[in-house]
Amino acid sequence: MGTALRSHAWEGAALAGLTPTQGEILTLLLMRGVPMRLGEIAEDAALTSATVSEAVSTLENKGLVEKRRDANDGRALALRLTARGKTAAKKASQWPNFLTSASDALGEKEGAQLYRSLVKMIFLMQERGDMPPQRMCLTCSHFEVSPRGKAQYHCDHFNVTYDDSRLPLDCNAHEGADIVTQRKVWKLYSKT
C-alpha cells in the first residue's frame, strides 16, 4: 500500500510539474480555501518548517503561490494560491483517485466497512500523537449522534445527517470540540 501511495503521489505531482511535497502544499491550500501561514501548513501536513519553507520558495518562484499579510495579524505572512496555483493544485489533488476506484470495486457494504475502519484508525492515531489533528467530524463541536437511528450522525453547522460511511474527514467548518466531548463521541461512535 505504501509503495502504491508513494508511486501515485510522485506521478501525480510530476504531471503538474511538482514534487509530492509541493503538490501536497498546493492541495492543502486549495482544500482550505483560505490563506495559511507557513507554520499552519507545516503542522497540517506534518512537515518541518524548513521543508515547507523550501517548497514554498520554489512554488513562489513558479508563480503558483504568493505571500500576503495575514488578515488576522498584519505582522505575519500568509500564503495563498495564484490563479496558476489553483490550476496546478487541482491537477496535483487528483492522484488519490486510484484509491477511490479500488474502494468502489469493493461494493457498498465492504466499502462502508473500510471507510469506518479508516475513520477509527485516523482518530486513534491522532489520539496517540502519530498524526496531526484532522478536521474530521469525530473531533468537531458541531458533530452529534443523531436521534434518527443507529449509525446516523448529525452536523449542527450544516444541518445534515450522515451515515458512518460518509463522515467528512476534512471540513472547513470544523471547530474542535473539547477533549471530554471528543471521547464521549468516540465512545458512542465506536459502539455502533
N, C-alpha and C. Protein backbone atom coordinates (compact mmCIF):
# COMPACT_ATOMS: atom_id res chain seq x y z
N MET A 1 0.83 -1.18 0.00
CA MET A 1 0.00 0.00 0.00
C MET A 1 0.88 1.26 0.00
N GLY A 2 1.92 1.24 0.83
CA GLY A 2 2.83 2.39 0.89
C GLY A 2 3.50 2.65 -0.44
N THR A 3 3.88 1.58 -1.13
CA THR A 3 4.53 1.72 -2.43
C THR A 3 3.58 2.36 -3.44
N ALA A 4 2.33 1.90 -3.44
CA ALA A 4 1.34 2.45 -4.37
C ALA A 4 1.08 3.93 -4.07
N LEU A 5 0.96 4.28 -2.80
CA LEU A 5 0.73 5.67 -2.43
C LEU A 5 1.89 6.56 -2.87
N ARG A 6 3.10 6.12 -2.57
CA ARG A 6 4.29 6.89 -2.94
C ARG A 6 4.39 7.05 -4.46
N SER A 7 4.20 5.95 -5.17
CA SER A 7 4.30 5.97 -6.62
C SER A 7 3.28 6.92 -7.25
N HIS A 8 2.04 6.84 -6.80
CA HIS A 8 1.00 7.71 -7.35
C HIS A 8 1.20 9.16 -6.95
N ALA A 9 1.71 9.40 -5.74
CA ALA A 9 1.98 10.78 -5.31
C ALA A 9 3.04 11.41 -6.21
N TRP A 10 4.12 10.67 -6.50
CA TRP A 10 5.17 11.18 -7.38
C TRP A 10 4.64 11.40 -8.80
N GLU A 11 3.87 10.42 -9.28
CA GLU A 11 3.33 10.51 -10.64
C GLU A 11 2.38 11.70 -10.77
N GLY A 12 1.48 11.85 -9.79
CA GLY A 12 0.51 12.95 -9.82
C GLY A 12 1.18 14.30 -9.75
N ALA A 13 2.17 14.41 -8.88
CA ALA A 13 2.89 15.68 -8.75
C ALA A 13 3.67 15.99 -10.02
N ALA A 14 4.29 14.98 -10.60
CA ALA A 14 5.09 15.18 -11.81
C ALA A 14 4.23 15.69 -12.96
N LEU A 15 2.99 15.21 -13.05
CA LEU A 15 2.08 15.69 -14.10
C LEU A 15 1.83 17.19 -13.99
N ALA A 16 1.91 17.70 -12.77
CA ALA A 16 1.71 19.14 -12.54
C ALA A 16 3.06 19.87 -12.48
N GLY A 17 4.17 19.16 -12.73
CA GLY A 17 5.49 19.77 -12.67
C GLY A 17 5.96 20.09 -11.27
N LEU A 18 5.57 19.24 -10.31
CA LEU A 18 5.84 19.49 -8.89
C LEU A 18 6.49 18.28 -8.23
N THR A 19 7.01 18.48 -7.04
CA THR A 19 7.38 17.35 -6.18
C THR A 19 6.14 17.00 -5.37
N PRO A 20 6.08 15.80 -4.77
CA PRO A 20 4.93 15.47 -3.93
C PRO A 20 4.70 16.48 -2.80
N THR A 21 5.77 16.99 -2.20
CA THR A 21 5.63 17.97 -1.12
C THR A 21 4.99 19.26 -1.64
N GLN A 22 5.44 19.72 -2.79
CA GLN A 22 4.86 20.92 -3.38
C GLN A 22 3.39 20.69 -3.72
N GLY A 23 3.09 19.51 -4.28
CA GLY A 23 1.71 19.16 -4.60
C GLY A 23 0.84 19.11 -3.36
N GLU A 24 1.38 18.57 -2.28
CA GLU A 24 0.63 18.49 -1.03
C GLU A 24 0.32 19.88 -0.48
N ILE A 25 1.27 20.78 -0.56
CA ILE A 25 1.05 22.15 -0.08
C ILE A 25 -0.01 22.86 -0.91
N LEU A 26 0.07 22.72 -2.23
CA LEU A 26 -0.93 23.34 -3.10
C LEU A 26 -2.32 22.76 -2.83
N THR A 27 -2.38 21.44 -2.69
CA THR A 27 -3.66 20.78 -2.42
C THR A 27 -4.23 21.24 -1.09
N LEU A 28 -3.39 21.36 -0.08
CA LEU A 28 -3.83 21.83 1.23
C LEU A 28 -4.41 23.25 1.13
N LEU A 29 -3.73 24.13 0.43
CA LEU A 29 -4.24 25.49 0.25
C LEU A 29 -5.56 25.50 -0.51
N LEU A 30 -5.67 24.64 -1.52
CA LEU A 30 -6.91 24.54 -2.30
C LEU A 30 -8.05 24.04 -1.43
N MET A 31 -7.81 22.99 -0.65
CA MET A 31 -8.85 22.41 0.19
C MET A 31 -9.30 23.36 1.29
N ARG A 32 -8.36 24.09 1.88
CA ARG A 32 -8.71 25.02 2.95
C ARG A 32 -9.48 26.22 2.41
N GLY A 33 -9.10 26.67 1.22
CA GLY A 33 -9.82 27.78 0.61
C GLY A 33 -9.52 29.15 1.21
N VAL A 34 -8.58 29.20 2.13
CA VAL A 34 -8.19 30.47 2.76
C VAL A 34 -6.67 30.52 2.84
N PRO A 35 -6.10 31.72 2.90
CA PRO A 35 -4.64 31.81 3.06
C PRO A 35 -4.20 31.14 4.37
N MET A 36 -3.01 30.57 4.34
CA MET A 36 -2.47 29.89 5.52
C MET A 36 -1.05 30.36 5.79
N ARG A 37 -0.70 30.41 7.06
CA ARG A 37 0.67 30.72 7.46
C ARG A 37 1.54 29.48 7.25
N LEU A 38 2.84 29.71 7.11
CA LEU A 38 3.77 28.59 6.90
C LEU A 38 3.70 27.59 8.06
N GLY A 39 3.60 28.08 9.28
CA GLY A 39 3.51 27.20 10.44
C GLY A 39 2.27 26.32 10.42
N GLU A 40 1.15 26.88 9.96
CA GLU A 40 -0.09 26.11 9.85
C GLU A 40 0.06 25.01 8.80
N ILE A 41 0.70 25.35 7.70
CA ILE A 41 0.93 24.36 6.64
C ILE A 41 1.82 23.24 7.16
N ALA A 42 2.90 23.61 7.84
CA ALA A 42 3.82 22.60 8.39
C ALA A 42 3.09 21.68 9.36
N GLU A 43 2.28 22.25 10.23
CA GLU A 43 1.55 21.45 11.21
C GLU A 43 0.53 20.53 10.54
N ASP A 44 -0.28 21.08 9.65
CA ASP A 44 -1.32 20.29 8.99
C ASP A 44 -0.75 19.19 8.10
N ALA A 45 0.38 19.45 7.46
CA ALA A 45 0.98 18.47 6.55
C ALA A 45 2.01 17.58 7.24
N ALA A 46 2.24 17.82 8.53
CA ALA A 46 3.22 17.05 9.31
C ALA A 46 4.61 17.12 8.65
N LEU A 47 5.00 18.33 8.28
CA LEU A 47 6.31 18.58 7.67
C LEU A 47 7.08 19.54 8.56
N THR A 48 8.39 19.55 8.41
CA THR A 48 9.19 20.52 9.17
C THR A 48 9.02 21.91 8.56
N SER A 49 9.25 22.92 9.36
CA SER A 49 9.18 24.30 8.86
C SER A 49 10.18 24.52 7.73
N ALA A 50 11.37 23.92 7.85
CA ALA A 50 12.40 24.08 6.82
C ALA A 50 11.94 23.47 5.49
N THR A 51 11.31 22.30 5.55
CA THR A 51 10.82 21.64 4.33
C THR A 51 9.75 22.49 3.67
N VAL A 52 8.82 23.00 4.48
CA VAL A 52 7.74 23.85 3.94
C VAL A 52 8.32 25.12 3.35
N SER A 53 9.24 25.74 4.05
CA SER A 53 9.85 26.99 3.58
C SER A 53 10.54 26.80 2.23
N GLU A 54 11.28 25.71 2.09
CA GLU A 54 11.97 25.42 0.83
C GLU A 54 10.97 25.18 -0.30
N ALA A 55 9.95 24.38 -0.03
CA ALA A 55 8.94 24.08 -1.06
C ALA A 55 8.18 25.34 -1.45
N VAL A 56 7.85 26.16 -0.47
CA VAL A 56 7.10 27.40 -0.74
C VAL A 56 7.93 28.36 -1.58
N SER A 57 9.22 28.45 -1.31
CA SER A 57 10.10 29.31 -2.13
C SER A 57 10.05 28.89 -3.59
N THR A 58 10.10 27.58 -3.83
CA THR A 58 10.03 27.07 -5.20
C THR A 58 8.67 27.37 -5.81
N LEU A 59 7.60 27.15 -5.04
CA LEU A 59 6.25 27.43 -5.54
C LEU A 59 6.07 28.91 -5.85
N GLU A 60 6.66 29.75 -5.02
CA GLU A 60 6.60 31.19 -5.24
C GLU A 60 7.35 31.57 -6.52
N ASN A 61 8.52 30.99 -6.72
CA ASN A 61 9.30 31.25 -7.94
C ASN A 61 8.58 30.79 -9.20
N LYS A 62 7.77 29.74 -9.07
CA LYS A 62 6.99 29.23 -10.20
C LYS A 62 5.71 30.04 -10.43
N GLY A 63 5.43 30.99 -9.53
CA GLY A 63 4.23 31.81 -9.66
C GLY A 63 2.95 31.10 -9.26
N LEU A 64 3.06 30.07 -8.42
CA LEU A 64 1.89 29.28 -8.03
C LEU A 64 1.30 29.73 -6.70
N VAL A 65 2.09 30.39 -5.87
CA VAL A 65 1.61 30.93 -4.60
C VAL A 65 2.18 32.33 -4.42
N GLU A 66 1.54 33.08 -3.55
CA GLU A 66 2.07 34.39 -3.18
C GLU A 66 1.85 34.62 -1.70
N LYS A 67 2.76 35.38 -1.13
CA LYS A 67 2.67 35.72 0.29
C LYS A 67 2.01 37.09 0.42
N ARG A 68 1.08 37.16 1.36
CA ARG A 68 0.40 38.41 1.67
C ARG A 68 0.33 38.55 3.18
N ARG A 69 0.09 39.75 3.63
CA ARG A 69 -0.10 39.97 5.06
C ARG A 69 -1.32 39.20 5.53
N ASP A 70 -1.19 38.54 6.68
CA ASP A 70 -2.28 37.78 7.26
C ASP A 70 -3.40 38.74 7.67
N ALA A 71 -4.62 38.41 7.32
CA ALA A 71 -5.77 39.27 7.62
C ALA A 71 -5.98 39.43 9.13
N ASN A 72 -5.61 38.41 9.91
CA ASN A 72 -5.81 38.45 11.35
C ASN A 72 -4.63 39.05 12.11
N ASP A 73 -3.47 39.08 11.47
CA ASP A 73 -2.27 39.61 12.11
C ASP A 73 -1.38 40.22 11.03
N GLY A 74 -1.45 41.53 10.90
CA GLY A 74 -0.72 42.24 9.85
C GLY A 74 0.78 42.06 9.89
N ARG A 75 1.32 41.57 11.02
CA ARG A 75 2.77 41.34 11.12
C ARG A 75 3.17 40.03 10.46
N ALA A 76 2.23 39.12 10.35
CA ALA A 76 2.52 37.77 9.82
C ALA A 76 2.19 37.68 8.34
N LEU A 77 2.83 36.73 7.67
CA LEU A 77 2.56 36.48 6.26
C LEU A 77 1.74 35.21 6.11
N ALA A 78 0.84 35.23 5.16
CA ALA A 78 0.04 34.05 4.84
C ALA A 78 0.20 33.75 3.36
N LEU A 79 0.09 32.50 3.03
CA LEU A 79 0.29 32.03 1.67
C LEU A 79 -1.07 31.79 1.01
N ARG A 80 -1.18 32.21 -0.23
CA ARG A 80 -2.41 31.94 -0.98
C ARG A 80 -2.06 31.50 -2.39
N LEU A 81 -2.97 30.77 -3.00
CA LEU A 81 -2.78 30.30 -4.37
C LEU A 81 -2.99 31.43 -5.36
N THR A 82 -2.21 31.44 -6.40
CA THR A 82 -2.47 32.32 -7.54
C THR A 82 -3.43 31.57 -8.46
N ALA A 83 -3.87 32.21 -9.53
CA ALA A 83 -4.75 31.52 -10.49
C ALA A 83 -4.05 30.29 -11.06
N ARG A 84 -2.77 30.45 -11.42
CA ARG A 84 -2.00 29.30 -11.94
C ARG A 84 -1.84 28.24 -10.85
N GLY A 85 -1.70 28.69 -9.62
CA GLY A 85 -1.56 27.76 -8.50
C GLY A 85 -2.81 26.92 -8.29
N LYS A 86 -3.98 27.53 -8.49
CA LYS A 86 -5.24 26.78 -8.36
C LYS A 86 -5.33 25.69 -9.41
N THR A 87 -4.93 26.02 -10.62
CA THR A 87 -4.94 25.03 -11.70
C THR A 87 -3.99 23.88 -11.38
N ALA A 88 -2.79 24.21 -10.93
CA ALA A 88 -1.81 23.17 -10.58
C ALA A 88 -2.29 22.35 -9.38
N ALA A 89 -2.93 23.01 -8.42
CA ALA A 89 -3.43 22.30 -7.23
C ALA A 89 -4.52 21.30 -7.62
N LYS A 90 -5.38 21.68 -8.54
CA LYS A 90 -6.44 20.77 -8.99
C LYS A 90 -5.84 19.54 -9.66
N LYS A 91 -4.80 19.74 -10.46
CA LYS A 91 -4.12 18.59 -11.09
C LYS A 91 -3.44 17.73 -10.03
N ALA A 92 -2.74 18.38 -9.12
CA ALA A 92 -1.98 17.64 -8.09
C ALA A 92 -2.89 16.89 -7.14
N SER A 93 -4.11 17.37 -6.95
CA SER A 93 -5.01 16.73 -5.98
C SER A 93 -5.74 15.51 -6.54
N GLN A 94 -5.53 15.20 -7.81
CA GLN A 94 -6.23 14.08 -8.44
C GLN A 94 -5.58 12.72 -8.19
N TRP A 95 -4.32 12.70 -7.75
CA TRP A 95 -3.61 11.43 -7.67
C TRP A 95 -4.27 10.39 -6.76
N PRO A 96 -4.97 10.75 -5.67
CA PRO A 96 -5.58 9.69 -4.85
C PRO A 96 -6.79 9.00 -5.48
N ASN A 97 -7.20 9.44 -6.68
CA ASN A 97 -8.38 8.84 -7.30
C ASN A 97 -8.25 7.34 -7.51
N PHE A 98 -7.02 6.83 -7.61
CA PHE A 98 -6.85 5.38 -7.78
C PHE A 98 -7.38 4.64 -6.55
N LEU A 99 -7.32 5.27 -5.39
CA LEU A 99 -7.88 4.65 -4.17
C LEU A 99 -9.40 4.60 -4.24
N THR A 100 -10.01 5.67 -4.74
CA THR A 100 -11.46 5.71 -4.88
C THR A 100 -11.93 4.61 -5.81
N SER A 101 -11.23 4.44 -6.92
CA SER A 101 -11.60 3.39 -7.88
C SER A 101 -11.52 2.01 -7.24
N ALA A 102 -10.47 1.79 -6.47
CA ALA A 102 -10.31 0.49 -5.80
C ALA A 102 -11.39 0.27 -4.76
N SER A 103 -11.71 1.30 -3.98
CA SER A 103 -12.72 1.12 -2.93
C SER A 103 -14.11 0.98 -3.53
N ASP A 104 -14.37 1.63 -4.67
CA ASP A 104 -15.66 1.47 -5.35
C ASP A 104 -15.87 0.03 -5.79
N ALA A 105 -14.80 -0.65 -6.13
CA ALA A 105 -14.89 -2.05 -6.58
C ALA A 105 -15.25 -3.00 -5.44
N LEU A 106 -15.12 -2.53 -4.20
CA LEU A 106 -15.43 -3.39 -3.06
C LEU A 106 -16.92 -3.65 -2.88
N GLY A 107 -17.74 -2.77 -3.38
CA GLY A 107 -19.16 -2.88 -3.14
C GLY A 107 -19.53 -2.02 -1.94
N GLU A 108 -20.82 -1.77 -1.80
CA GLU A 108 -21.30 -0.82 -0.79
C GLU A 108 -20.97 -1.26 0.64
N LYS A 109 -21.25 -2.50 0.98
CA LYS A 109 -21.05 -2.96 2.36
C LYS A 109 -19.56 -2.98 2.74
N GLU A 110 -18.74 -3.58 1.89
CA GLU A 110 -17.30 -3.64 2.18
C GLU A 110 -16.67 -2.24 2.17
N GLY A 111 -17.12 -1.40 1.24
CA GLY A 111 -16.62 -0.03 1.17
C GLY A 111 -16.94 0.74 2.45
N ALA A 112 -18.16 0.57 2.95
CA ALA A 112 -18.57 1.24 4.19
C ALA A 112 -17.74 0.74 5.37
N GLN A 113 -17.49 -0.57 5.42
CA GLN A 113 -16.67 -1.13 6.50
C GLN A 113 -15.24 -0.59 6.45
N LEU A 114 -14.69 -0.50 5.24
CA LEU A 114 -13.34 0.04 5.08
C LEU A 114 -13.28 1.49 5.54
N TYR A 115 -14.25 2.29 5.11
CA TYR A 115 -14.27 3.71 5.47
C TYR A 115 -14.36 3.88 6.98
N ARG A 116 -15.25 3.12 7.59
CA ARG A 116 -15.43 3.20 9.04
C ARG A 116 -14.13 2.81 9.75
N SER A 117 -13.47 1.78 9.28
CA SER A 117 -12.19 1.36 9.87
C SER A 117 -11.13 2.44 9.72
N LEU A 118 -11.09 3.08 8.56
CA LEU A 118 -10.12 4.15 8.34
C LEU A 118 -10.38 5.34 9.26
N VAL A 119 -11.66 5.70 9.44
CA VAL A 119 -12.01 6.80 10.36
C VAL A 119 -11.53 6.46 11.77
N LYS A 120 -11.76 5.23 12.18
CA LYS A 120 -11.31 4.81 13.52
C LYS A 120 -9.79 4.88 13.63
N MET A 121 -9.09 4.39 12.60
CA MET A 121 -7.62 4.42 12.64
C MET A 121 -7.10 5.86 12.72
N ILE A 122 -7.68 6.75 11.93
CA ILE A 122 -7.26 8.15 11.95
C ILE A 122 -7.47 8.74 13.34
N PHE A 123 -8.64 8.51 13.91
CA PHE A 123 -8.93 9.04 15.25
C PHE A 123 -7.94 8.51 16.28
N LEU A 124 -7.70 7.21 16.25
CA LEU A 124 -6.78 6.60 17.21
C LEU A 124 -5.35 7.10 17.02
N MET A 125 -4.92 7.26 15.78
CA MET A 125 -3.56 7.77 15.53
C MET A 125 -3.42 9.21 16.00
N GLN A 126 -4.48 10.00 15.85
CA GLN A 126 -4.47 11.37 16.38
C GLN A 126 -4.35 11.36 17.89
N GLU A 127 -5.14 10.51 18.52
CA GLU A 127 -5.13 10.41 19.99
C GLU A 127 -3.75 10.07 20.52
N ARG A 128 -3.03 9.22 19.80
CA ARG A 128 -1.70 8.79 20.24
C ARG A 128 -0.60 9.74 19.79
N GLY A 129 -0.95 10.74 19.01
CA GLY A 129 0.05 11.68 18.54
C GLY A 129 0.84 11.19 17.34
N ASP A 130 0.33 10.14 16.66
CA ASP A 130 1.02 9.59 15.49
C ASP A 130 0.76 10.39 14.22
N MET A 131 -0.22 11.28 14.25
CA MET A 131 -0.51 12.14 13.11
C MET A 131 -1.13 13.42 13.63
N PRO A 132 -1.00 14.51 12.87
CA PRO A 132 -1.57 15.77 13.34
C PRO A 132 -3.09 15.71 13.33
N PRO A 133 -3.73 16.54 14.14
CA PRO A 133 -5.20 16.55 14.17
C PRO A 133 -5.78 16.84 12.79
N GLN A 134 -6.79 16.08 12.44
CA GLN A 134 -7.51 16.27 11.19
C GLN A 134 -8.82 16.98 11.50
N ARG A 135 -9.34 17.68 10.53
CA ARG A 135 -10.59 18.42 10.74
C ARG A 135 -11.76 17.50 10.38
N MET A 136 -11.93 16.47 11.20
CA MET A 136 -12.94 15.46 10.93
C MET A 136 -14.08 15.55 11.94
N CYS A 137 -15.21 14.97 11.59
CA CYS A 137 -16.42 15.06 12.40
C CYS A 137 -16.23 14.61 13.84
N LEU A 138 -15.51 13.52 14.06
CA LEU A 138 -15.40 12.97 15.41
C LEU A 138 -14.74 13.92 16.40
N THR A 139 -14.05 14.93 15.92
CA THR A 139 -13.38 15.88 16.82
C THR A 139 -14.02 17.27 16.76
N CYS A 140 -15.18 17.38 16.13
CA CYS A 140 -15.81 18.68 15.90
C CYS A 140 -16.94 18.97 16.89
N SER A 141 -17.04 20.21 17.30
CA SER A 141 -18.09 20.62 18.24
C SER A 141 -19.47 20.62 17.59
N HIS A 142 -19.55 20.60 16.27
CA HIS A 142 -20.84 20.59 15.57
C HIS A 142 -21.42 19.17 15.43
N PHE A 143 -20.65 18.17 15.76
CA PHE A 143 -21.00 16.77 15.50
C PHE A 143 -21.77 16.17 16.67
N GLU A 144 -22.81 15.42 16.35
CA GLU A 144 -23.55 14.71 17.40
C GLU A 144 -24.15 13.43 16.84
N VAL A 145 -24.36 12.49 17.73
CA VAL A 145 -25.04 11.26 17.34
C VAL A 145 -26.49 11.63 17.10
N SER A 146 -27.01 11.25 15.95
CA SER A 146 -28.36 11.62 15.57
C SER A 146 -29.39 10.73 16.25
N PRO A 147 -30.49 11.32 16.70
CA PRO A 147 -31.56 10.51 17.27
C PRO A 147 -32.35 9.77 16.20
N ARG A 148 -31.95 9.93 14.94
CA ARG A 148 -32.73 9.37 13.83
C ARG A 148 -32.44 7.90 13.55
N GLY A 149 -31.56 7.31 14.30
CA GLY A 149 -31.32 5.89 14.07
C GLY A 149 -29.88 5.50 14.29
N LYS A 150 -29.65 4.21 14.29
CA LYS A 150 -28.31 3.66 14.50
C LYS A 150 -27.38 4.05 13.36
N ALA A 151 -26.16 4.37 13.73
CA ALA A 151 -25.11 4.74 12.77
C ALA A 151 -25.49 5.97 11.95
N GLN A 152 -26.25 6.86 12.56
CA GLN A 152 -26.60 8.12 11.93
C GLN A 152 -26.02 9.25 12.78
N TYR A 153 -25.43 10.23 12.12
CA TYR A 153 -24.76 11.31 12.81
C TYR A 153 -25.19 12.63 12.21
N HIS A 154 -25.23 13.65 13.05
CA HIS A 154 -25.75 14.94 12.61
C HIS A 154 -24.70 16.04 12.76
N CYS A 155 -24.64 16.92 11.77
CA CYS A 155 -23.79 18.11 11.82
C CYS A 155 -24.69 19.31 12.04
N ASP A 156 -24.54 19.96 13.20
CA ASP A 156 -25.35 21.14 13.51
C ASP A 156 -25.01 22.32 12.60
N HIS A 157 -23.76 22.42 12.19
CA HIS A 157 -23.35 23.56 11.36
C HIS A 157 -24.06 23.54 10.00
N PHE A 158 -24.06 22.40 9.34
CA PHE A 158 -24.67 22.29 8.02
C PHE A 158 -26.10 21.74 8.07
N ASN A 159 -26.54 21.34 9.27
CA ASN A 159 -27.86 20.73 9.47
C ASN A 159 -28.07 19.57 8.49
N VAL A 160 -27.12 18.64 8.53
CA VAL A 160 -27.17 17.48 7.64
C VAL A 160 -26.86 16.23 8.45
N THR A 161 -27.46 15.12 8.03
CA THR A 161 -27.23 13.84 8.68
C THR A 161 -26.39 12.96 7.77
N TYR A 162 -25.41 12.28 8.38
CA TYR A 162 -24.52 11.37 7.65
C TYR A 162 -24.66 9.97 8.21
N ASP A 163 -24.44 8.96 7.35
CA ASP A 163 -24.24 7.63 7.91
C ASP A 163 -22.74 7.50 8.16
N ASP A 164 -22.35 6.43 8.83
CA ASP A 164 -20.95 6.33 9.25
C ASP A 164 -19.97 6.06 8.11
N SER A 165 -20.46 5.86 6.91
CA SER A 165 -19.55 5.65 5.78
C SER A 165 -19.39 6.91 4.94
N ARG A 166 -19.93 8.02 5.42
CA ARG A 166 -19.86 9.26 4.65
C ARG A 166 -19.40 10.46 5.48
N LEU A 167 -18.86 10.22 6.66
CA LEU A 167 -18.42 11.33 7.51
C LEU A 167 -17.28 12.08 6.84
N PRO A 168 -17.39 13.40 6.72
CA PRO A 168 -16.28 14.16 6.13
C PRO A 168 -15.01 14.05 6.98
N LEU A 169 -13.88 13.92 6.31
CA LEU A 169 -12.59 13.80 7.00
C LEU A 169 -11.82 15.11 7.02
N ASP A 170 -12.24 16.08 6.24
CA ASP A 170 -11.56 17.38 6.21
C ASP A 170 -12.61 18.44 5.91
N CYS A 171 -13.07 19.13 6.95
CA CYS A 171 -14.17 20.07 6.82
C CYS A 171 -13.71 21.49 7.16
N ASN A 172 -14.01 22.42 6.27
CA ASN A 172 -13.64 23.82 6.50
C ASN A 172 -14.41 24.45 7.66
N ALA A 173 -15.55 23.89 8.03
CA ALA A 173 -16.34 24.44 9.14
C ALA A 173 -15.95 23.80 10.48
N HIS A 174 -14.93 22.95 10.48
CA HIS A 174 -14.53 22.24 11.70
C HIS A 174 -14.16 23.21 12.82
N GLU A 175 -14.73 22.94 13.98
CA GLU A 175 -14.36 23.65 15.21
C GLU A 175 -14.11 22.58 16.25
N GLY A 176 -12.90 22.50 16.72
CA GLY A 176 -12.51 21.44 17.64
C GLY A 176 -13.34 21.40 18.91
N ALA A 177 -13.85 20.23 19.23
CA ALA A 177 -14.59 20.03 20.48
C ALA A 177 -13.58 19.81 21.60
N ASP A 178 -14.01 20.05 22.82
CA ASP A 178 -13.12 19.79 23.95
C ASP A 178 -12.88 18.28 24.06
N ILE A 179 -11.82 17.90 24.74
CA ILE A 179 -11.39 16.50 24.80
C ILE A 179 -12.44 15.60 25.43
N VAL A 180 -13.18 16.09 26.41
CA VAL A 180 -14.23 15.29 27.06
C VAL A 180 -15.31 14.96 26.04
N THR A 181 -15.72 15.95 25.27
CA THR A 181 -16.75 15.73 24.24
C THR A 181 -16.23 14.78 23.17
N GLN A 182 -14.97 14.94 22.75
CA GLN A 182 -14.40 14.05 21.74
C GLN A 182 -14.42 12.60 22.21
N ARG A 183 -14.05 12.38 23.44
CA ARG A 183 -14.03 11.00 23.96
C ARG A 183 -15.43 10.43 24.08
N LYS A 184 -16.39 11.27 24.45
CA LYS A 184 -17.79 10.84 24.55
C LYS A 184 -18.31 10.44 23.16
N VAL A 185 -18.04 11.28 22.17
CA VAL A 185 -18.45 10.99 20.79
C VAL A 185 -17.78 9.72 20.30
N TRP A 186 -16.48 9.57 20.59
CA TRP A 186 -15.74 8.38 20.17
C TRP A 186 -16.36 7.13 20.77
N LYS A 187 -16.72 7.19 22.03
CA LYS A 187 -17.32 6.04 22.70
C LYS A 187 -18.62 5.64 22.01
N LEU A 188 -19.45 6.62 21.70
CA LEU A 188 -20.71 6.34 21.00
C LEU A 188 -20.46 5.83 19.58
N TYR A 189 -19.52 6.45 18.88
CA TYR A 189 -19.21 6.06 17.50
C TYR A 189 -18.65 4.65 17.44
N SER A 190 -17.77 4.32 18.36
CA SER A 190 -17.12 3.00 18.30
C SER A 190 -18.05 1.86 18.68
N LYS A 191 -19.19 2.18 19.28
CA LYS A 191 -20.16 1.13 19.65
C LYS A 191 -21.11 0.79 18.51
N THR A 192 -21.30 1.71 17.56
CA THR A 192 -22.29 1.46 16.50
C THR A 192 -21.71 0.62 15.39
